[in-house]
């Protein structure tokens, strides 16, 4: 796979040099053959999700300087965008339900698909999502599931479901996402309820069940939860599927499990803020990220479920047949997206989360 990456880099470099000799590569060239400055772009993205190498490739090709800021949850991103001055961020990377929420709050700009020719590389099953009909405001990037990781050499109990993570035998052994919608959602599932449960009587039961999880959790981590599994500080957990894939490469005894209740699944998306100061540069970046060669570089570092069908073909069987990197179709079909909830229900969720982490 590293050789593929080198071949792709060589091809892109050769092509760029050839174009430079004729007309200049990217959006104009300076006297030394490098792209002339074409302004800036401010992006706000998930931690460990967009490789530095890809950012640099975009800068080299276009001359656009990219300023990267990161976040660990959709809610943190939303709060930060609201608190900053208008136009502080050009691009954000919200998950499915958060796209819908930001559309409803008039925070996103409509996309200009004449400037996004590489949208043709996005698979039909990822287009026209319920949270953004017609993809007016969003382009799918990466996705996956909140799956279960188990180190089979250290955990004797057979784990098949979210409910199994509450077993007393796992006391002091779990890493879970630092994400209240994910953790409370899987607890709803463990109780036999909907991931996005709203019934207050049922949520009372979820709150009690949640406290059973408290003693099992060693660490809440959405940035790099794989690290606790690789180091041996935790023996199991509920984390992003690609994080499990990376942990499996380091510790072969770690396995991925998709819960029998149906997994929490997610799809993250490129969006442009309504007040973006660098709209055209944002379009150029999103189109660059839909190039198959760009997405191969992404997947080699962060192997999530990919909406770019051409990139998936280039990755080959080592990616496609790995259930942690490329979740099985049945796991995705049987999964549930996080949904938007009314403020009174979110307050209940927030109170449960605060109590859990006290």
Protein backbone atom coordinates (compact mmCIF):
# COMPACT_ATOMS: atom_id res chain seq x y z
CA UNK A 1 0.00 0.00 0.00
CA UNK A 2 2.94 2.32 0.69
CA UNK A 3 4.23 1.59 -2.80
CA UNK A 4 0.80 2.59 -4.21
CA UNK A 5 1.01 5.85 -2.33
CA UNK A 6 4.45 6.53 -3.79
CA UNK A 7 3.26 5.72 -7.31
CA UNK A 8 0.27 8.06 -6.95
CA UNK A 9 2.48 10.84 -5.60
CA UNK A 10 4.90 10.34 -8.49
CA UNK A 11 2.09 10.44 -11.06
CA UNK A 12 0.61 13.63 -9.56
CA UNK A 13 4.04 15.28 -9.38
CA UNK A 14 4.91 14.34 -12.97
CA UNK A 15 1.57 15.62 -14.24
CA UNK A 16 1.96 18.87 -12.36
CA UNK A 17 5.48 19.39 -13.72
CA UNK A 18 4.27 18.76 -17.26
CA UNK A 19 1.50 21.31 -16.90
CA UNK A 20 3.89 23.77 -15.30
CA UNK A 21 6.15 23.63 -18.36
CA UNK A 22 3.21 24.68 -20.55
CA UNK A 23 0.97 26.95 -18.54
CA UNK A 24 1.94 26.76 -14.87
CA UNK A 25 0.53 24.27 -12.32
CA UNK A 26 -2.47 25.19 -10.18
CA UNK A 27 -3.76 28.73 -10.08
CA UNK A 28 -0.72 30.45 -11.55
CA UNK A 29 3.01 30.00 -10.93
CA UNK A 30 5.85 32.07 -9.59
CA UNK A 31 9.24 32.36 -11.29
CA UNK A 32 10.55 29.27 -9.50
CA UNK A 33 7.75 27.09 -10.88
CA UNK A 34 5.77 26.91 -7.63
CA UNK A 35 2.08 27.93 -7.49
CA UNK A 36 1.56 31.60 -6.81
CA UNK A 37 -0.27 32.55 -3.65
CA UNK A 38 -4.01 32.18 -4.11
CA UNK A 39 -5.18 33.30 -0.70
CA UNK A 40 -6.15 31.27 2.33
CA UNK A 41 -8.68 28.73 3.54
CA UNK A 42 -9.77 28.14 7.13
CA UNK A 43 -11.05 24.65 7.86
CA UNK A 44 -12.46 23.21 11.09
CA UNK A 45 -12.31 19.41 11.12
CA UNK A 46 -12.36 16.35 13.34
CA UNK A 47 -9.10 15.42 15.09
CA UNK A 48 -7.08 12.74 13.23
CA UNK A 49 -9.28 12.82 10.15
CA UNK A 50 -7.58 14.85 7.40
CA UNK A 51 -3.91 13.91 6.85
CA UNK A 52 -1.29 16.66 6.82
CA UNK A 53 0.11 15.12 3.63
CA UNK A 54 -3.17 15.75 1.81
CA UNK A 55 -3.37 19.33 3.07
CA UNK A 56 0.16 19.91 1.78
CA UNK A 57 -0.65 18.33 -1.60
CA UNK A 58 -3.58 20.73 -1.96
CA UNK A 59 -1.43 23.72 -0.99
CA UNK A 60 1.29 22.69 -3.45
CA UNK A 61 -1.21 22.26 -6.27
CA UNK A 62 -3.22 25.44 -5.74
CA UNK A 63 -1.05 27.90 -3.84
CA UNK A 64 -3.85 28.25 -1.25
CA UNK A 65 -2.67 28.37 2.37
CA UNK A 66 -4.81 26.10 4.56
CA UNK A 67 -5.27 26.90 8.25
CA UNK A 68 -6.50 23.84 10.14
CA UNK A 69 -8.35 23.79 13.46
CA UNK A 70 -9.75 20.61 15.05
CA UNK A 71 -12.58 19.49 17.30
CA UNK A 72 -13.68 16.31 19.07
CA UNK A 73 -17.47 16.45 18.84
CA UNK A 74 -20.21 17.93 16.69
CA UNK A 75 -21.49 19.93 19.61
CA UNK A 76 -18.04 21.45 20.28
CA UNK A 77 -17.80 22.42 16.61
CA UNK A 78 -21.25 24.03 16.59
CA UNK A 79 -20.56 26.03 19.74
CA UNK A 80 -17.19 27.22 18.44
CA UNK A 81 -18.56 28.31 15.05
CA UNK A 82 -21.30 30.26 16.83
CA UNK A 83 -18.92 31.93 19.27
CA UNK A 84 -16.31 33.01 16.72
CA UNK A 85 -16.62 36.07 14.52
CA UNK A 86 -18.58 35.62 11.29
CA UNK A 87 -16.57 33.84 8.64
CA UNK A 88 -13.85 32.60 11.00
CA UNK A 89 -14.16 29.17 9.36
CA UNK A 90 -14.79 28.52 5.68
CA UNK A 91 -15.23 24.75 5.85
CA UNK A 92 -16.62 22.51 8.58
CA UNK A 93 -17.03 18.74 8.69
CA UNK A 94 -20.28 17.91 10.53
CA UNK A 95 -21.88 14.51 10.87
CA UNK A 96 -25.26 13.68 9.36
CA UNK A 97 -27.57 15.00 12.09
CA UNK A 98 -25.45 18.09 12.61
CA UNK A 99 -25.68 18.96 8.89
CA UNK A 100 -29.46 18.98 9.26
CA UNK A 101 -29.23 21.08 12.41
CA UNK A 102 -26.91 23.63 10.81
CA UNK A 103 -29.15 23.87 7.73
CA UNK A 104 -32.10 24.55 10.03
CA UNK A 105 -30.15 27.33 11.73
CA UNK A 106 -29.17 28.88 8.36
CA UNK A 107 -25.47 28.35 9.03
CA UNK A 108 -24.44 26.70 5.75
CA UNK A 109 -23.97 28.00 2.22
CA UNK A 110 -25.35 26.21 -0.83
CA UNK A 111 -22.69 24.42 -2.87
CA UNK A 112 -21.83 25.27 -6.47
CA UNK A 113 -21.65 21.89 -8.20
CA UNK A 114 -20.26 23.42 -11.38
CA UNK A 115 -17.11 23.84 -9.32
CA UNK A 116 -17.27 20.26 -8.00
CA UNK A 117 -16.75 18.01 -11.06
CA UNK A 118 -15.30 15.24 -8.89
CA UNK A 119 -18.68 14.74 -7.24
CA UNK A 120 -19.08 12.08 -9.95
CA UNK A 121 -16.77 9.88 -7.85
CA UNK A 122 -19.25 9.73 -4.95
CA UNK A 123 -21.29 6.53 -4.86
CA UNK A 124 -25.01 6.81 -5.54
CA UNK A 125 -25.88 5.24 -2.17
CA UNK A 126 -24.20 8.19 -0.43
CA UNK A 127 -25.97 10.88 -2.43
CA UNK A 128 -29.26 12.61 -1.65
CA UNK A 129 -29.27 11.80 2.09
CA UNK A 130 -32.32 12.40 4.23
CA UNK A 131 -30.46 15.01 6.27
CA UNK A 132 -29.65 17.04 3.11
CA UNK A 133 -31.89 16.17 0.14
CA UNK A 134 -30.12 16.81 -3.14
CA UNK A 135 -26.79 17.48 -1.37
CA UNK A 136 -27.49 21.22 -1.55
CA UNK A 137 -25.24 21.89 1.43
CA UNK A 138 -23.02 18.84 1.92
CA UNK A 139 -20.63 16.42 0.22
CA UNK A 140 -20.01 13.06 1.95
CA UNK A 141 -16.45 12.40 3.11
CA UNK A 142 -15.90 9.49 5.52
CA UNK A 143 -18.21 7.46 7.71
CA UNK A 144 -18.39 4.33 9.77
CA UNK A 145 -19.82 2.94 12.97
CA UNK A 146 -19.41 3.09 16.70
CA UNK A 147 -18.33 -0.53 16.89
CA UNK A 148 -17.04 -2.69 19.71
CA UNK A 149 -13.34 -3.50 20.07
CA UNK A 150 -12.33 -6.60 22.02
CA UNK A 151 -8.87 -7.90 22.87
CA UNK A 152 -9.60 -11.63 22.74
CA UNK A 153 -6.41 -12.46 24.66
CA UNK A 154 -7.61 -10.45 27.65
CA UNK A 155 -11.41 -10.74 27.62
CA UNK A 156 -12.90 -14.18 28.28
CA UNK A 157 -16.51 -13.14 27.96
CA UNK A 158 -18.00 -13.40 24.48
CA UNK A 159 -19.13 -9.93 23.46
CA UNK A 160 -21.79 -9.59 20.79
CA UNK A 161 -23.80 -6.53 21.80
CA UNK A 162 -23.65 -3.10 23.36
CA UNK A 163 -25.43 -4.63 26.35
CA UNK A 164 -22.42 -6.89 26.95
CA UNK A 165 -20.26 -3.84 27.67
CA UNK A 166 -22.20 -3.33 30.91
CA UNK A 167 -21.14 -6.75 32.28
CA UNK A 168 -19.40 -6.53 35.71
CA UNK A 169 -16.52 -8.66 34.38
CA UNK A 170 -15.41 -5.61 32.36
CA UNK A 171 -14.97 -3.36 35.37
CA UNK A 172 -12.04 -1.01 34.79
CA UNK A 173 -11.42 -2.28 31.26
CA UNK A 174 -13.27 -0.05 28.81
CA UNK A 175 -12.48 2.94 26.63
CA UNK A 176 -15.54 4.67 25.17
CA UNK A 177 -16.07 7.73 23.04
CA UNK A 178 -16.16 11.10 24.77
CA UNK A 179 -19.47 11.77 23.03
CA UNK A 180 -22.69 12.02 24.99
CA UNK A 181 -24.97 11.17 22.07
CA UNK A 182 -22.97 8.05 21.28
CA UNK A 183 -22.62 6.74 24.83
CA UNK A 184 -26.21 7.48 25.83
CA UNK A 185 -27.39 6.20 22.46
CA UNK A 186 -25.73 2.80 22.92
CA UNK A 187 -27.15 2.68 26.45
CA UNK A 188 -30.62 3.23 25.01
CA UNK A 189 -29.89 0.33 22.67
CA UNK A 190 -28.70 -1.84 25.56
CA UNK A 191 -32.06 -1.20 27.26
CA UNK A 192 -33.92 -2.26 24.13
CA UNK A 193 -34.89 1.30 23.21
CA UNK A 194 -34.27 3.50 20.19
CA UNK A 195 -30.82 5.05 19.79
CA UNK A 196 -32.53 8.46 19.79
CA UNK A 197 -35.07 7.68 22.51
CA UNK A 198 -37.29 10.55 23.61
CA UNK A 199 -39.76 8.90 26.00
CA UNK A 200 -38.96 10.30 29.44
CA UNK A 201 -40.02 7.15 31.32
CA UNK A 202 -37.68 5.07 29.17
CA UNK A 203 -34.92 7.63 29.59
CA UNK A 204 -35.22 7.20 33.37
CA UNK A 205 -34.32 3.54 32.82
CA UNK A 206 -31.47 4.55 30.51
CA UNK A 207 -30.12 6.84 33.22
CA UNK A 208 -30.04 3.99 35.73
CA UNK A 209 -28.43 1.66 33.20
CA UNK A 210 -25.82 4.27 32.37
CA UNK A 211 -24.51 4.22 35.93
CA UNK A 212 -23.76 0.52 35.51
CA UNK A 213 -21.37 1.49 32.73
CA UNK A 214 -19.57 4.03 34.90
CA UNK A 215 -17.48 1.50 36.82
CA UNK A 216 -16.38 -0.25 33.63
CA UNK A 217 -15.04 2.86 31.89
CA UNK A 218 -11.39 3.79 32.34
CA UNK A 219 -11.23 6.43 29.66
CA UNK A 220 -13.50 8.70 27.60
CA UNK A 221 -11.65 9.52 24.38
CA UNK A 222 -12.87 10.57 20.94
CA UNK A 223 -9.52 11.84 19.64
CA UNK A 224 -7.41 8.66 19.68
CA UNK A 225 -9.23 5.90 21.58
CA UNK A 226 -7.13 3.25 19.81
CA UNK A 227 -4.13 4.29 21.91
CA UNK A 228 -5.56 2.83 25.13
CA UNK A 229 -6.21 -0.48 23.38
CA UNK A 230 -2.76 -0.62 21.80
CA UNK A 231 -1.01 0.23 25.07
CA UNK A 232 -3.05 -2.36 26.98
CA UNK A 233 -4.58 0.21 29.33
CA UNK A 234 -8.00 -0.96 28.14
CA UNK A 235 -9.10 -4.39 26.96
CA UNK A 236 -12.31 -3.47 25.16
CA UNK A 237 -14.37 -0.49 24.18
CA UNK A 238 -16.94 1.26 22.04
CA UNK A 239 -15.10 3.45 19.54
CA UNK A 240 -14.95 4.52 15.89
CA UNK A 241 -14.61 1.57 13.52
CA UNK A 242 -11.47 2.91 11.82
CA UNK A 243 -9.79 3.37 15.22
CA UNK A 244 -10.38 -0.34 15.78
CA UNK A 245 -8.84 -1.08 12.39
CA UNK A 246 -5.68 0.82 13.33
CA UNK A 247 -5.54 -0.91 16.73
CA UNK A 248 -5.88 -4.32 15.03
CA UNK A 249 -2.80 -3.59 12.93
CA UNK A 250 -0.78 -3.07 16.10
CA UNK A 251 -2.38 -5.78 18.27
CA UNK A 252 -3.62 -8.78 16.23
CA UNK A 253 -5.66 -10.14 19.15
CA UNK A 254 -8.02 -7.14 18.91
CA UNK A 255 -11.20 -7.82 16.96
CA UNK A 256 -14.09 -5.70 15.74
CA UNK A 257 -17.69 -6.56 16.70
CA UNK A 258 -20.82 -5.01 15.22
CA UNK A 259 -23.51 -5.19 17.95
CA UNK A 260 -26.57 -7.35 17.56
CA UNK A 261 -28.80 -4.40 18.54
CA UNK A 262 -27.65 -2.55 15.41
CA UNK A 263 -24.76 -0.12 15.44
CA UNK A 264 -24.68 3.63 15.70
CA UNK A 265 -23.52 4.68 12.25
CA UNK A 266 -22.36 8.06 11.00
CA UNK A 267 -21.50 9.97 7.85
CA UNK A 268 -19.31 13.05 8.00
CA UNK A 269 -19.62 15.72 5.33
CA UNK A 270 -17.82 18.69 3.82
CA UNK A 271 -19.85 21.88 4.27
CA UNK A 272 -19.19 25.56 3.70
CA UNK A 273 -20.28 28.07 6.32
CA UNK A 274 -22.83 30.72 5.36
CA UNK A 275 -20.36 33.50 6.20
CA UNK A 276 -17.32 31.92 4.50
CA UNK A 277 -14.79 34.52 3.38
CA UNK A 278 -13.06 32.17 0.94
CA UNK A 279 -15.94 30.42 -0.85
CA UNK A 280 -14.13 29.67 -4.13
CA UNK A 281 -11.13 28.28 -2.28
CA UNK A 282 -13.52 26.11 -0.27
CA UNK A 283 -14.99 24.73 -3.50
CA UNK A 284 -11.49 24.00 -4.79
CA UNK A 285 -10.60 22.14 -1.59
CA UNK A 286 -13.76 20.02 -1.51
CA UNK A 287 -13.27 19.08 -5.16
CA UNK A 288 -9.63 18.18 -4.46
CA UNK A 289 -10.75 15.94 -1.59
CA UNK A 290 -13.02 14.05 -4.01
CA UNK A 291 -10.12 13.10 -6.28
CA UNK A 292 -9.57 9.32 -5.96
CA UNK A 293 -5.84 9.89 -5.48
CA UNK A 294 -6.49 12.26 -2.58
CA UNK A 295 -8.88 9.85 -0.92
CA UNK A 296 -6.41 6.96 -1.23
CA UNK A 297 -3.93 9.05 0.76
CA UNK A 298 -6.65 9.68 3.35
CA UNK A 299 -7.67 6.03 3.63
CA UNK A 300 -4.10 4.83 4.05
CA UNK A 301 -3.86 6.93 7.20
CA UNK A 302 -7.47 6.99 8.41
CA UNK A 303 -9.27 3.87 7.09
CA UNK A 304 -12.92 4.80 7.53
CA UNK A 305 -15.89 3.86 5.34
CA UNK A 306 -15.45 5.85 2.14
CA UNK A 307 -18.11 7.46 -0.05
CA UNK A 308 -15.67 7.76 -2.98
CA UNK A 309 -16.21 4.60 -5.03
CA UNK A 310 -13.21 5.22 -7.30
CA UNK A 311 -10.89 5.49 -4.31
CA UNK A 312 -12.32 2.28 -2.86
CA UNK A 313 -11.47 0.49 -6.12
CA UNK A 314 -7.92 1.78 -5.95
CA UNK A 315 -7.52 0.58 -2.35
CA UNK A 316 -8.18 -3.02 -3.35
CA UNK A 317 -9.18 -6.05 -1.33
CA UNK A 318 -7.02 -5.27 1.71
CA UNK A 319 -9.33 -2.37 2.43
CA UNK A 320 -12.63 -3.65 1.04
CA UNK A 321 -12.52 -7.00 2.86
CA UNK A 322 -11.49 -5.57 6.24
CA UNK A 323 -14.68 -5.28 8.33
CA UNK A 324 -13.23 -2.57 10.57
CA UNK A 325 -12.08 -0.38 7.68
CA UNK A 326 -15.06 -1.04 5.44
CA UNK A 327 -18.09 -1.98 7.59
CA UNK A 328 -20.18 -4.83 6.13
CA UNK A 329 -23.23 -3.76 4.18
CA UNK A 330 -25.53 -5.53 6.62
CA UNK A 331 -24.02 -3.63 9.57
CA UNK A 332 -24.62 -0.32 7.81
CA UNK A 333 -28.13 -1.29 6.70
CA UNK A 334 -29.03 -2.38 10.23
CA UNK A 335 -27.53 0.69 11.85
CA UNK A 336 -29.05 3.92 13.11
CA UNK A 337 -27.90 7.51 12.63
CA UNK A 338 -27.91 9.96 15.52
CA UNK A 339 -30.98 12.17 15.12
CA UNK A 340 -31.84 15.70 16.15
CA UNK A 341 -33.70 15.95 19.45
CA UNK A 342 -35.85 18.65 21.05
CA UNK A 343 -34.13 20.88 23.57
CA UNK A 344 -36.00 19.42 26.55
CA UNK A 345 -34.85 15.89 25.65
CA UNK A 346 -31.29 17.08 25.03
CA UNK A 347 -31.33 18.60 28.51
CA UNK A 348 -32.13 15.16 29.94
CA UNK A 349 -29.28 13.64 27.93
CA UNK A 350 -26.94 16.39 29.15
CA UNK A 351 -27.89 15.78 32.77
CA UNK A 352 -27.27 12.05 32.40
CA UNK A 353 -23.88 12.72 30.84
CA UNK A 354 -22.86 15.10 33.61
CA UNK A 355 -23.82 12.55 36.27
CA UNK A 356 -21.92 9.78 34.46
CA UNK A 357 -18.68 11.78 34.38
CA UNK A 358 -18.85 13.17 37.93
